[in-house]
Amino acid sequence: MKYTIYTLDDISIHNKKDDCWIIISNGVYDITEFLPIHPGGISIVMMVAGKDATDYFNELHRPEILKEIGNNYLIGFLDNESDITVKPNNLSRL
Protein backbone atom coordinates (compact mmCIF):
# COMPACT_ATOMS: atom_id res chain seq x y z
CA MET A 1 0.00 0.00 0.00
CA LYS A 2 1.22 3.49 -0.83
CA TYR A 3 0.93 6.01 2.01
CA THR A 4 0.52 9.77 1.91
CA ILE A 5 2.56 12.34 3.83
CA TYR A 6 0.37 14.81 5.75
CA THR A 7 1.04 18.09 7.54
CA LEU A 8 -0.42 19.04 10.90
CA ASP A 9 -2.76 21.42 9.05
CA ASP A 10 -3.99 18.56 6.84
CA ILE A 11 -4.78 16.44 9.87
CA SER A 12 -6.26 19.13 12.09
CA ILE A 13 -9.41 19.53 9.98
CA HIS A 14 -10.36 15.88 10.53
CA ASN A 15 -11.69 16.44 14.04
CA LYS A 16 -15.33 15.34 13.89
CA LYS A 17 -17.19 12.13 14.68
CA ASP A 18 -17.88 11.55 11.00
CA ASP A 19 -14.31 12.41 9.95
CA CYS A 20 -11.73 11.60 12.62
CA TRP A 21 -7.97 11.32 12.15
CA ILE A 22 -5.29 11.09 14.82
CA ILE A 23 -1.50 10.91 14.91
CA ILE A 24 0.26 8.19 16.87
CA SER A 25 4.06 8.10 16.72
CA ASN A 26 4.06 10.02 13.41
CA GLY A 27 1.57 7.59 11.84
CA VAL A 28 -1.69 9.15 10.63
CA TYR A 29 -4.79 7.06 11.32
CA ASP A 30 -8.30 7.55 9.97
CA ILE A 31 -10.28 6.08 12.86
CA THR A 32 -13.72 7.31 11.77
CA GLU A 33 -15.06 3.77 11.36
CA PHE A 34 -13.41 2.63 14.61
CA LEU A 35 -15.03 5.32 16.80
CA PRO A 36 -18.34 3.49 17.40
CA ILE A 37 -16.53 0.35 18.56
CA HIS A 38 -13.75 2.02 20.60
CA PRO A 39 -13.87 0.28 24.00
CA GLY A 40 -13.22 3.53 25.87
CA GLY A 41 -16.01 5.39 24.10
CA ILE A 42 -16.08 8.14 21.54
CA SER A 43 -15.64 11.15 23.83
CA ILE A 44 -12.12 10.28 24.96
CA VAL A 45 -10.98 9.95 21.35
CA MET A 46 -12.66 13.20 20.34
CA MET A 47 -10.39 15.05 22.78
CA VAL A 48 -7.45 14.28 20.47
CA ALA A 49 -9.25 14.21 17.12
CA GLY A 50 -7.17 15.96 14.47
CA LYS A 51 -4.16 16.06 16.82
CA ASP A 52 -1.18 14.08 18.02
CA ALA A 53 -2.60 11.41 20.34
CA THR A 54 0.69 9.62 21.00
CA ASP A 55 0.97 10.41 24.72
CA TYR A 56 -2.67 9.58 25.44
CA PHE A 57 -2.49 6.41 23.40
CA ASN A 58 0.68 5.17 25.10
CA GLU A 59 -0.77 5.82 28.56
CA LEU A 60 -3.86 3.72 27.92
CA HIS A 61 -2.89 0.96 25.47
CA ARG A 62 -0.52 -1.95 25.13
CA PRO A 63 2.19 -1.22 22.53
CA GLU A 64 1.13 -4.27 20.49
CA ILE A 65 -2.32 -2.84 19.80
CA LEU A 66 -1.02 -0.75 16.89
CA LYS A 67 0.40 -3.88 15.29
CA GLU A 68 -2.82 -5.82 15.93
CA ILE A 69 -5.38 -3.35 14.62
CA GLY A 70 -3.59 -0.10 13.79
CA ASN A 71 -2.62 -1.07 10.27
CA ASN A 72 -6.33 -1.31 9.41
CA TYR A 73 -6.57 2.45 9.91
CA LEU A 74 -3.12 3.73 8.92
CA ILE A 75 -3.42 6.12 5.97
CA GLY A 76 -0.06 7.88 6.00
CA PHE A 77 2.61 9.62 7.99
CA LEU A 78 3.24 13.03 9.48
CA ASP A 79 5.53 15.25 7.44
CA ASN A 80 8.81 15.43 9.35
CA GLU A 81 8.81 19.20 8.93
CA SER A 82 5.42 19.44 10.68
CA ASP A 83 6.71 18.48 14.08
CA ILE A 84 9.38 21.17 14.18
CA THR A 85 8.48 24.07 16.43
CA VAL A 86 10.17 27.42 16.35
CA LYS A 87 11.58 28.27 19.75
CA PRO A 88 12.29 31.84 20.77
CA ASN A 89 15.86 32.88 21.20
CA ASN A 90 16.61 32.47 24.89
CA LEU A 91 19.87 34.37 24.89
CA SER A 92 19.96 36.90 27.66
CA ARG A 93 21.73 40.19 27.29
CA LEU A 94 24.21 41.23 29.93
PDB file of N, CA and C in Angstrom:
ATOM      1  N   MET A   1       0.838  -1.182   0.000  1.00  0.00           N
ATOM      2  CA  MET A   1       0.000   0.000   0.000  1.00  0.00           C
ATOM      3  C   MET A   1       0.885   1.249   0.000  1.00  0.00           C
ATOM      4  N   LYS A   2       0.488   2.232  -0.768  1.00  0.00           N
ATOM      5  CA  LYS A   2       1.216   3.492  -0.835  1.00  0.00           C
ATOM      6  C   LYS A   2       0.584   4.461   0.164  1.00  0.00           C
ATOM      7  N   TYR A   3       1.410   5.087   0.990  1.00  0.00           N
ATOM      8  CA  TYR A   3       0.929   6.007   2.009  1.00  0.00           C
ATOM      9  C   TYR A   3       1.192   7.452   1.613  1.00  0.00           C
ATOM     10  N   THR A   4       0.401   8.339   2.167  1.00  0.00           N
ATOM     11  CA  THR A   4       0.515   9.766   1.909  1.00  0.00           C
ATOM     12  C   THR A   4       1.230  10.430   3.079  1.00  0.00           C
ATOM     13  N   ILE A   5       1.932  11.522   2.803  1.00  0.00           N
ATOM     14  CA  ILE A   5       2.561  12.339   3.831  1.00  0.00           C
ATOM     15  C   ILE A   5       1.633  13.526   4.088  1.00  0.00           C
ATOM     16  N   TYR A   6       1.295  13.748   5.362  1.00  0.00           N
ATOM     17  CA  TYR A   6       0.371  14.812   5.754  1.00  0.00           C
ATOM     18  C   TYR A   6       1.062  15.830   6.657  1.00  0.00           C
ATOM     19  N   THR A   7       0.582  17.047   6.604  1.00  0.00           N
ATOM     20  CA  THR A   7       1.043  18.085   7.537  1.00  0.00           C
ATOM     21  C   THR A   7       0.071  18.148   8.713  1.00  0.00           C
ATOM     22  N   LEU A   8       0.475  18.841   9.755  1.00  0.00           N
ATOM     23  CA  LEU A   8      -0.425  19.038  10.897  1.00  0.00           C
ATOM     24  C   LEU A   8      -1.700  19.759  10.471  1.00  0.00           C
ATOM     25  N   ASP A   9      -1.574  20.709   9.554  1.00  0.00           N
ATOM     26  CA  ASP A   9      -2.758  21.415   9.054  1.00  0.00           C
ATOM     27  C   ASP A   9      -3.703  20.459   8.329  1.00  0.00           C
ATOM     28  N   ASP A  10      -3.160  19.548   7.532  1.00  0.00           N
ATOM     29  CA  ASP A  10      -3.985  18.560   6.839  1.00  0.00           C
ATOM     30  C   ASP A  10      -4.801  17.743   7.839  1.00  0.00           C
ATOM     31  N   ILE A  11      -4.162  17.332   8.892  1.00  0.00           N
ATOM     32  CA  ILE A  11      -4.776  16.436   9.871  1.00  0.00           C
ATOM     33  C   ILE A  11      -5.760  17.170  10.764  1.00  0.00           C
ATOM     34  N   SER A  12      -5.460  18.400  11.111  1.00  0.00           N
ATOM     35  CA  SER A  12      -6.264  19.134  12.093  1.00  0.00           C
ATOM     36  C   SER A  12      -7.721  19.339  11.688  1.00  0.00           C
ATOM     37  N   ILE A  13      -8.019  19.315  10.410  1.00  0.00           N
ATOM     38  CA  ILE A  13      -9.407  19.531   9.977  1.00  0.00           C
ATOM     39  C   ILE A  13     -10.264  18.266  10.112  1.00  0.00           C
ATOM     40  N   HIS A  14      -9.635  17.155  10.386  1.00  0.00           N
ATOM     41  CA  HIS A  14     -10.356  15.881  10.534  1.00  0.00           C
ATOM     42  C   HIS A  14     -10.620  15.625  12.020  1.00  0.00           C
ATOM     43  N   ASN A  15     -11.493  16.440  12.592  1.00  0.00           N
ATOM     44  CA  ASN A  15     -11.693  16.436  14.041  1.00  0.00           C
ATOM     45  C   ASN A  15     -13.160  16.275  14.438  1.00  0.00           C
ATOM     46  N   LYS A  16     -13.905  15.533  13.633  1.00  0.00           N
ATOM     47  CA  LYS A  16     -15.331  15.340  13.889  1.00  0.00           C
ATOM     48  C   LYS A  16     -15.651  13.848  13.960  1.00  0.00           C
ATOM     49  N   LYS A  17     -16.798  13.533  14.546  1.00  0.00           N
ATOM     50  CA  LYS A  17     -17.188  12.126  14.682  1.00  0.00           C
ATOM     51  C   LYS A  17     -17.318  11.423  13.334  1.00  0.00           C
ATOM     52  N   ASP A  18     -17.712  12.168  12.310  1.00  0.00           N
ATOM     53  CA  ASP A  18     -17.880  11.547  10.995  1.00  0.00           C
ATOM     54  C   ASP A  18     -16.647  11.708  10.108  1.00  0.00           C
ATOM     55  N   ASP A  19     -15.564  12.213  10.683  1.00  0.00           N
ATOM     56  CA  ASP A  19     -14.306  12.412   9.953  1.00  0.00           C
ATOM     57  C   ASP A  19     -13.199  12.620  10.981  1.00  0.00           C
ATOM     58  N   CYS A  20     -12.639  11.527  11.480  1.00  0.00           N
ATOM     59  CA  CYS A  20     -11.727  11.599  12.620  1.00  0.00           C
ATOM     60  C   CYS A  20     -10.378  10.953  12.310  1.00  0.00           C
ATOM     61  N   TRP A  21      -9.338  11.782  12.322  1.00  0.00           N
ATOM     62  CA  TRP A  21      -7.968  11.318  12.151  1.00  0.00           C
ATOM     63  C   TRP A  21      -7.180  11.641  13.410  1.00  0.00           C
ATOM     64  N   ILE A  22      -6.210  10.815  13.728  1.00  0.00           N
ATOM     65  CA  ILE A  22      -5.287  11.091  14.824  1.00  0.00           C
ATOM     66  C   ILE A  22      -3.870  10.710  14.390  1.00  0.00           C
ATOM     67  N   ILE A  23      -2.907  11.243  15.129  1.00  0.00           N
ATOM     68  CA  ILE A  23      -1.496  10.913  14.911  1.00  0.00           C
ATOM     69  C   ILE A  23      -1.038  10.089  16.099  1.00  0.00           C
ATOM     70  N   ILE A  24      -0.385   8.982  15.818  1.00  0.00           N
ATOM     71  CA  ILE A  24       0.264   8.189  16.869  1.00  0.00           C
ATOM     72  C   ILE A  24       1.658   7.858  16.363  1.00  0.00           C
ATOM     73  N   SER A  25       2.653   8.339  17.074  1.00  0.00           N
ATOM     74  CA  SER A  25       4.063   8.100  16.715  1.00  0.00           C
ATOM     75  C   SER A  25       4.336   8.382  15.240  1.00  0.00           C
ATOM     76  N   ASN A  26       3.882   9.536  14.782  1.00  0.00           N
ATOM     77  CA  ASN A  26       4.058  10.023  13.410  1.00  0.00           C
ATOM     78  C   ASN A  26       3.257   9.264  12.354  1.00  0.00           C
ATOM     79  N   GLY A  27       2.499   8.250  12.757  1.00  0.00           N
ATOM     80  CA  GLY A  27       1.572   7.594  11.837  1.00  0.00           C
ATOM     81  C   GLY A  27       0.244   8.341  11.863  1.00  0.00           C
ATOM     82  N   VAL A  28      -0.398   8.469  10.720  1.00  0.00           N
ATOM     83  CA  VAL A  28      -1.692   9.148  10.627  1.00  0.00           C
ATOM     84  C   VAL A  28      -2.755   8.067  10.428  1.00  0.00           C
ATOM     85  N   TYR A  29      -3.751   8.081  11.310  1.00  0.00           N
ATOM     86  CA  TYR A  29      -4.789   7.058  11.324  1.00  0.00           C
ATOM     87  C   TYR A  29      -6.158   7.695  11.120  1.00  0.00           C
ATOM     88  N   ASP A  30      -6.909   7.157  10.165  1.00  0.00           N
ATOM     89  CA  ASP A  30      -8.301   7.548   9.975  1.00  0.00           C
ATOM     90  C   ASP A  30      -9.126   6.555  10.782  1.00  0.00           C
ATOM     91  N   ILE A  31      -9.577   6.987  11.958  1.00  0.00           N
ATOM     92  CA  ILE A  31     -10.283   6.083  12.864  1.00  0.00           C
ATOM     93  C   ILE A  31     -11.791   6.346  12.876  1.00  0.00           C
ATOM     94  N   THR A  32     -12.294   6.994  11.858  1.00  0.00           N
ATOM     95  CA  THR A  32     -13.716   7.312  11.773  1.00  0.00           C
ATOM     96  C   THR A  32     -14.575   6.061  11.965  1.00  0.00           C
ATOM     97  N   GLU A  33     -14.277   4.998  11.263  1.00  0.00           N
ATOM     98  CA  GLU A  33     -15.062   3.771  11.364  1.00  0.00           C
ATOM     99  C   GLU A  33     -14.844   3.036  12.680  1.00  0.00           C
ATOM    100  N   PHE A  34     -13.719   3.288  13.347  1.00  0.00           N
ATOM    101  CA  PHE A  34     -13.411   2.634  14.614  1.00  0.00           C
ATOM    102  C   PHE A  34     -14.108   3.302  15.802  1.00  0.00           C
ATOM    103  N   LEU A  35     -14.443   4.575  15.675  1.00  0.00           N
ATOM    104  CA  LEU A  35     -15.034   5.316  16.799  1.00  0.00           C
ATOM    105  C   LEU A  35     -16.198   4.599  17.473  1.00  0.00           C
ATOM    106  N   PRO A  36     -17.199   4.118  16.733  1.00  0.00           N
ATOM    107  CA  PRO A  36     -18.343   3.489  17.397  1.00  0.00           C
ATOM    108  C   PRO A  36     -17.998   2.220  18.178  1.00  0.00           C
ATOM    109  N   ILE A  37     -16.884   1.577  17.858  1.00  0.00           N
ATOM    110  CA  ILE A  37     -16.528   0.345  18.562  1.00  0.00           C
ATOM    111  C   ILE A  37     -15.348   0.527  19.524  1.00  0.00           C
ATOM    112  N   HIS A  38     -14.864   1.765  19.682  1.00  0.00           N
ATOM    113  CA  HIS A  38     -13.751   2.016  20.599  1.00  0.00           C
ATOM    114  C   HIS A  38     -14.182   1.645  22.016  1.00  0.00           C
ATOM    115  N   PRO A  39     -13.466   0.734  22.669  1.00  0.00           N
ATOM    116  CA  PRO A  39     -13.871   0.277  24.000  1.00  0.00           C
ATOM    117  C   PRO A  39     -13.967   1.385  25.052  1.00  0.00           C
ATOM    118  N   GLY A  40     -13.199   2.433  24.900  1.00  0.00           N
ATOM    119  CA  GLY A  40     -13.223   3.526  25.869  1.00  0.00           C
ATOM    120  C   GLY A  40     -14.259   4.595  25.563  1.00  0.00           C
ATOM    121  N   GLY A  41     -14.991   4.416  24.490  1.00  0.00           N
ATOM    122  CA  GLY A  41     -16.006   5.389  24.102  1.00  0.00           C
ATOM    123  C   GLY A  41     -15.476   6.417  23.115  1.00  0.00           C
ATOM    124  N   ILE A  42     -16.413   7.145  22.554  1.00  0.00           N
ATOM    125  CA  ILE A  42     -16.080   8.144  21.536  1.00  0.00           C
ATOM    126  C   ILE A  42     -15.492   9.406  22.149  1.00  0.00           C
ATOM    127  N   SER A  43     -16.015   9.835  23.285  1.00  0.00           N
ATOM    128  CA  SER A  43     -15.637  11.148  23.828  1.00  0.00           C
ATOM    129  C   SER A  43     -14.157  11.263  24.153  1.00  0.00           C
ATOM    130  N   ILE A  44     -13.555  10.205  24.633  1.00  0.00           N
ATOM    131  CA  ILE A  44     -12.120  10.281  24.958  1.00  0.00           C
ATOM    132  C   ILE A  44     -11.288  10.448  23.690  1.00  0.00           C
ATOM    133  N   VAL A  45     -11.712   9.826  22.609  1.00  0.00           N
ATOM    134  CA  VAL A  45     -10.984   9.954  21.348  1.00  0.00           C
ATOM    135  C   VAL A  45     -11.182  11.346  20.761  1.00  0.00           C
ATOM    136  N   MET A  46     -12.371  11.888  20.913  1.00  0.00           N
ATOM    137  CA  MET A  46     -12.657  13.197  20.340  1.00  0.00           C
ATOM    138  C   MET A  46     -11.803  14.299  20.970  1.00  0.00           C
ATOM    139  N   MET A  47     -11.280  14.071  22.152  1.00  0.00           N
ATOM    140  CA  MET A  47     -10.390  15.054  22.782  1.00  0.00           C
ATOM    141  C   MET A  47      -9.097  15.234  21.987  1.00  0.00           C
ATOM    142  N   VAL A  48      -8.703  14.217  21.235  1.00  0.00           N
ATOM    143  CA  VAL A  48      -7.451  14.278  20.467  1.00  0.00           C
ATOM    144  C   VAL A  48      -7.690  14.191  18.969  1.00  0.00           C
ATOM    145  N   ALA A  49      -8.921  14.291  18.544  1.00  0.00           N
ATOM    146  CA  ALA A  49      -9.246  14.206  17.116  1.00  0.00           C
ATOM    147  C   ALA A  49      -8.551  15.329  16.355  1.00  0.00           C
ATOM    148  N   GLY A  50      -7.886  14.984  15.284  1.00  0.00           N
ATOM    149  CA  GLY A  50      -7.165  15.956  14.470  1.00  0.00           C
ATOM    150  C   GLY A  50      -5.850  16.400  15.082  1.00  0.00           C
ATOM    151  N   LYS A  51      -5.382  15.669  16.102  1.00  0.00           N
ATOM    152  CA  LYS A  51      -4.161  16.060  16.824  1.00  0.00           C
ATOM    153  C   LYS A  51      -3.243  14.861  17.021  1.00  0.00           C
ATOM    154  N   ASP A  52      -2.104  15.133  17.651  1.00  0.00           N
ATOM    155  CA  ASP A  52      -1.177  14.075  18.024  1.00  0.00           C
ATOM    156  C   ASP A  52      -1.692  13.415  19.304  1.00  0.00           C
ATOM    157  N   ALA A  53      -2.044  12.153  19.216  1.00  0.00           N
ATOM    158  CA  ALA A  53      -2.602  11.406  20.341  1.00  0.00           C
ATOM    159  C   ALA A  53      -1.588  10.443  20.950  1.00  0.00           C
ATOM    160  N   THR A  54      -0.334  10.571  20.587  1.00  0.00           N
ATOM    161  CA  THR A  54       0.689   9.616  21.000  1.00  0.00           C
ATOM    162  C   THR A  54       0.751   9.436  22.513  1.00  0.00           C
ATOM    163  N   ASP A  55       0.846  10.517  23.266  1.00  0.00           N
ATOM    164  CA  ASP A  55       0.975  10.409  24.718  1.00  0.00           C
ATOM    165  C   ASP A  55      -0.251   9.750  25.335  1.00  0.00           C
ATOM    166  N   TYR A  56      -1.432  10.178  24.919  1.00  0.00           N
ATOM    167  CA  TYR A  56      -2.669   9.583  25.437  1.00  0.00           C
ATOM    168  C   TYR A  56      -2.743   8.103  25.084  1.00  0.00           C
ATOM    169  N   PHE A  57      -2.433   7.787  23.848  1.00  0.00           N
ATOM    170  CA  PHE A  57      -2.490   6.407  23.397  1.00  0.00           C
ATOM    171  C   PHE A  57      -1.547   5.532  24.220  1.00  0.00           C
ATOM    172  N   ASN A  58      -0.309   5.975  24.379  1.00  0.00           N
ATOM    173  CA  ASN A  58       0.676   5.173  25.096  1.00  0.00           C
ATOM    174  C   ASN A  58       0.323   4.984  26.566  1.00  0.00           C
ATOM    175  N   GLU A  59      -0.355   5.948  27.161  1.00  0.00           N
ATOM    176  CA  GLU A  59      -0.771   5.819  28.562  1.00  0.00           C
ATOM    177  C   GLU A  59      -1.832   4.748  28.748  1.00  0.00           C
ATOM    178  N   LEU A  60      -2.672   4.548  27.747  1.00  0.00           N
ATOM    179  CA  LEU A  60      -3.861   3.719  27.921  1.00  0.00           C
ATOM    180  C   LEU A  60      -3.851   2.384  27.171  1.00  0.00           C
ATOM    181  N   HIS A  61      -2.871   2.156  26.317  1.00  0.00           N
ATOM    182  CA  HIS A  61      -2.889   0.965  25.469  1.00  0.00           C
ATOM    183  C   HIS A  61      -1.589   0.182  25.543  1.00  0.00           C
ATOM    184  N   ARG A  62      -1.707  -1.105  25.281  1.00  0.00           N
ATOM    185  CA  ARG A  62      -0.518  -1.948  25.134  1.00  0.00           C
ATOM    186  C   ARG A  62       0.166  -1.568  23.820  1.00  0.00           C
ATOM    187  N   PRO A  63       1.485  -1.585  23.764  1.00  0.00           N
ATOM    188  CA  PRO A  63       2.190  -1.222  22.528  1.00  0.00           C
ATOM    189  C   PRO A  63       1.800  -2.096  21.334  1.00  0.00           C
ATOM    190  N   GLU A  64       1.449  -3.349  21.573  1.00  0.00           N
ATOM    191  CA  GLU A  64       1.131  -4.275  20.488  1.00  0.00           C
ATOM    192  C   GLU A  64      -0.162  -3.927  19.759  1.00  0.00           C
ATOM    193  N   ILE A  65      -1.008  -3.118  20.382  1.00  0.00           N
ATOM    194  CA  ILE A  65      -2.324  -2.844  19.797  1.00  0.00           C
ATOM    195  C   ILE A  65      -2.213  -2.193  18.416  1.00  0.00           C
ATOM    196  N   LEU A  66      -1.207  -1.348  18.217  1.00  0.00           N
ATOM    197  CA  LEU A  66      -1.021  -0.751  16.888  1.00  0.00           C
ATOM    198  C   LEU A  66      -0.708  -1.808  15.850  1.00  0.00           C
ATOM    199  N   LYS A  67       0.070  -2.800  16.227  1.00  0.00           N
ATOM    200  CA  LYS A  67       0.396  -3.877  15.290  1.00  0.00           C
ATOM    201  C   LYS A  67      -0.833  -4.746  15.022  1.00  0.00           C
ATOM    202  N   GLU A  68      -1.653  -4.941  16.058  1.00  0.00           N
ATOM    203  CA  GLU A  68      -2.818  -5.816  15.934  1.00  0.00           C
ATOM    204  C   GLU A  68      -3.928  -5.204  15.088  1.00  0.00           C
ATOM    205  N   ILE A  69      -4.266  -3.947  15.357  1.00  0.00           N
ATOM    206  CA  ILE A  69      -5.385  -3.345  14.618  1.00  0.00           C
ATOM    207  C   ILE A  69      -5.040  -2.024  13.935  1.00  0.00           C
ATOM    208  N   GLY A  70      -3.948  -1.419  14.316  1.00  0.00           N
ATOM    209  CA  GLY A  70      -3.595  -0.104  13.788  1.00  0.00           C
ATOM    210  C   GLY A  70      -3.429  -0.051  12.287  1.00  0.00           C
ATOM    211  N   ASN A  71      -2.861  -1.087  11.716  1.00  0.00           N
ATOM    212  CA  ASN A  71      -2.625  -1.070  10.266  1.00  0.00           C
ATOM    213  C   ASN A  71      -3.924  -1.013   9.469  1.00  0.00           C
ATOM    214  N   ASN A  72      -5.028  -1.412  10.082  1.00  0.00           N
ATOM    215  CA  ASN A  72      -6.328  -1.312   9.408  1.00  0.00           C
ATOM    216  C   ASN A  72      -6.734   0.135   9.173  1.00  0.00           C
ATOM    217  N   TYR A  73      -6.167   1.052   9.955  1.00  0.00           N
ATOM    218  CA  TYR A  73      -6.573   2.450   9.913  1.00  0.00           C
ATOM    219  C   TYR A  73      -5.469   3.401   9.479  1.00  0.00           C
ATOM    220  N   LEU A  74      -4.257   2.898   9.318  1.00  0.00           N
ATOM    221  CA  LEU A  74      -3.116   3.728   8.918  1.00  0.00           C
ATOM    222  C   LEU A  74      -3.306   4.223   7.487  1.00  0.00           C
ATOM    223  N   ILE A  75      -3.248   5.545   7.314  1.00  0.00           N
ATOM    224  CA  ILE A  75      -3.420   6.121   5.974  1.00  0.00           C
ATOM    225  C   ILE A  75      -2.184   6.881   5.499  1.00  0.00           C
ATOM    226  N   GLY A  76      -1.247   7.145   6.405  1.00  0.00           N
ATOM    227  CA  GLY A  76      -0.057   7.882   6.000  1.00  0.00           C
ATOM    228  C   GLY A  76       0.802   8.231   7.192  1.00  0.00           C
ATOM    229  N   PHE A  77       1.653   9.227   6.968  1.00  0.00           N
ATOM    230  CA  PHE A  77       2.609   9.619   7.990  1.00  0.00           C
ATOM    231  C   PHE A  77       2.692  11.132   8.083  1.00  0.00           C
ATOM    232  N   LEU A  78       3.070  11.607   9.245  1.00  0.00           N
ATOM    233  CA  LEU A  78       3.242  13.034   9.475  1.00  0.00           C
ATOM    234  C   LEU A  78       4.501  13.514   8.774  1.00  0.00           C
ATOM    235  N   ASP A  79       4.387  14.617   8.078  1.00  0.00           N
ATOM    236  CA  ASP A  79       5.529  15.245   7.436  1.00  0.00           C
ATOM    237  C   ASP A  79       6.548  15.591   8.513  1.00  0.00           C
ATOM    238  N   ASN A  80       7.775  15.169   8.349  1.00  0.00           N
ATOM    239  CA  ASN A  80       8.815  15.429   9.351  1.00  0.00           C
ATOM    240  C   ASN A  80       8.969  16.908   9.661  1.00  0.00           C
ATOM    241  N   GLU A  81       8.695  17.760   8.704  1.00  0.00           N
ATOM    242  CA  GLU A  81       8.808  19.202   8.934  1.00  0.00           C
ATOM    243  C   GLU A  81       7.684  19.713   9.839  1.00  0.00           C
ATOM    244  N   SER A  82       6.575  18.985   9.915  1.00  0.00           N
ATOM    245  CA  SER A  82       5.422  19.437  10.681  1.00  0.00           C
ATOM    246  C   SER A  82       5.654  19.419  12.177  1.00  0.00           C
ATOM    247  N   ASP A  83       6.546  18.567  12.639  1.00  0.00           N
ATOM    248  CA  ASP A  83       6.709  18.476  14.080  1.00  0.00           C
ATOM    249  C   ASP A  83       7.827  19.366  14.601  1.00  0.00           C
ATOM    250  N   ILE A  84       8.343  20.227  13.756  1.00  0.00           N
ATOM    251  CA  ILE A  84       9.378  21.169  14.177  1.00  0.00           C
ATOM    252  C   ILE A  84       8.702  22.434  14.685  1.00  0.00           C
ATOM    253  N   THR A  85       9.037  22.834  15.893  1.00  0.00           N
ATOM    254  CA  THR A  85       8.485  24.072  16.429  1.00  0.00           C
ATOM    255  C   THR A  85       9.575  25.115  16.511  1.00  0.00           C
ATOM    256  N   VAL A  86       9.214  26.327  16.268  1.00  0.00           N
ATOM    257  CA  VAL A  86      10.171  27.425  16.353  1.00  0.00           C
ATOM    258  C   VAL A  86      10.229  27.881  17.803  1.00  0.00           C
ATOM    259  N   LYS A  87      11.405  27.858  18.360  1.00  0.00           N
ATOM    260  CA  LYS A  87      11.579  28.273  19.748  1.00  0.00           C
ATOM    261  C   LYS A  87      12.193  29.666  19.774  1.00  0.00           C
ATOM    262  N   PRO A  88      11.723  30.502  20.702  1.00  0.00           N
ATOM    263  CA  PRO A  88      12.295  31.842  20.772  1.00  0.00           C
ATOM    264  C   PRO A  88      13.750  31.790  21.208  1.00  0.00           C
ATOM    265  N   ASN A  89      14.454  32.781  20.814  1.00  0.00           N
ATOM    266  CA  ASN A  89      15.857  32.880  21.200  1.00  0.00           C
ATOM    267  C   ASN A  89      15.928  33.195  22.690  1.00  0.00           C
ATOM    268  N   ASN A  90      16.550  32.308  23.446  1.00  0.00           N
ATOM    269  CA  ASN A  90      16.611  32.469  24.893  1.00  0.00           C
ATOM    270  C   ASN A  90      17.910  33.109  25.382  1.00  0.00           C
ATOM    271  N   LEU A  91      18.629  33.735  24.471  1.00  0.00           N
ATOM    272  CA  LEU A  91      19.868  34.374  24.894  1.00  0.00           C
ATOM    273  C   LEU A  91      19.556  35.619  25.717  1.00  0.00           C
ATOM    274  N   SER A  92      20.170  35.716  26.851  1.00  0.00           N
ATOM    275  CA  SER A  92      19.961  36.896  27.665  1.00  0.00           C
ATOM    276  C   SER A  92      21.066  37.898  27.381  1.00  0.00           C
ATOM    277  N   ARG A  93      20.732  39.140  27.533  1.00  0.00           N
ATOM    278  CA  ARG A  93      21.728  40.190  27.294  1.00  0.00           C
ATOM    279  C   ARG A  93      22.270  40.652  28.629  1.00  0.00           C
ATOM    280  N   LEU A  94      23.561  40.779  28.687  1.00  0.00           N
ATOM    281  CA  LEU A  94      24.209  41.229  29.927  1.00  0.00           C
ATOM    282  C   LEU A  94      24.366  42.715  29.951  1.00  0.00           C
TER     283      LEU A  94
END
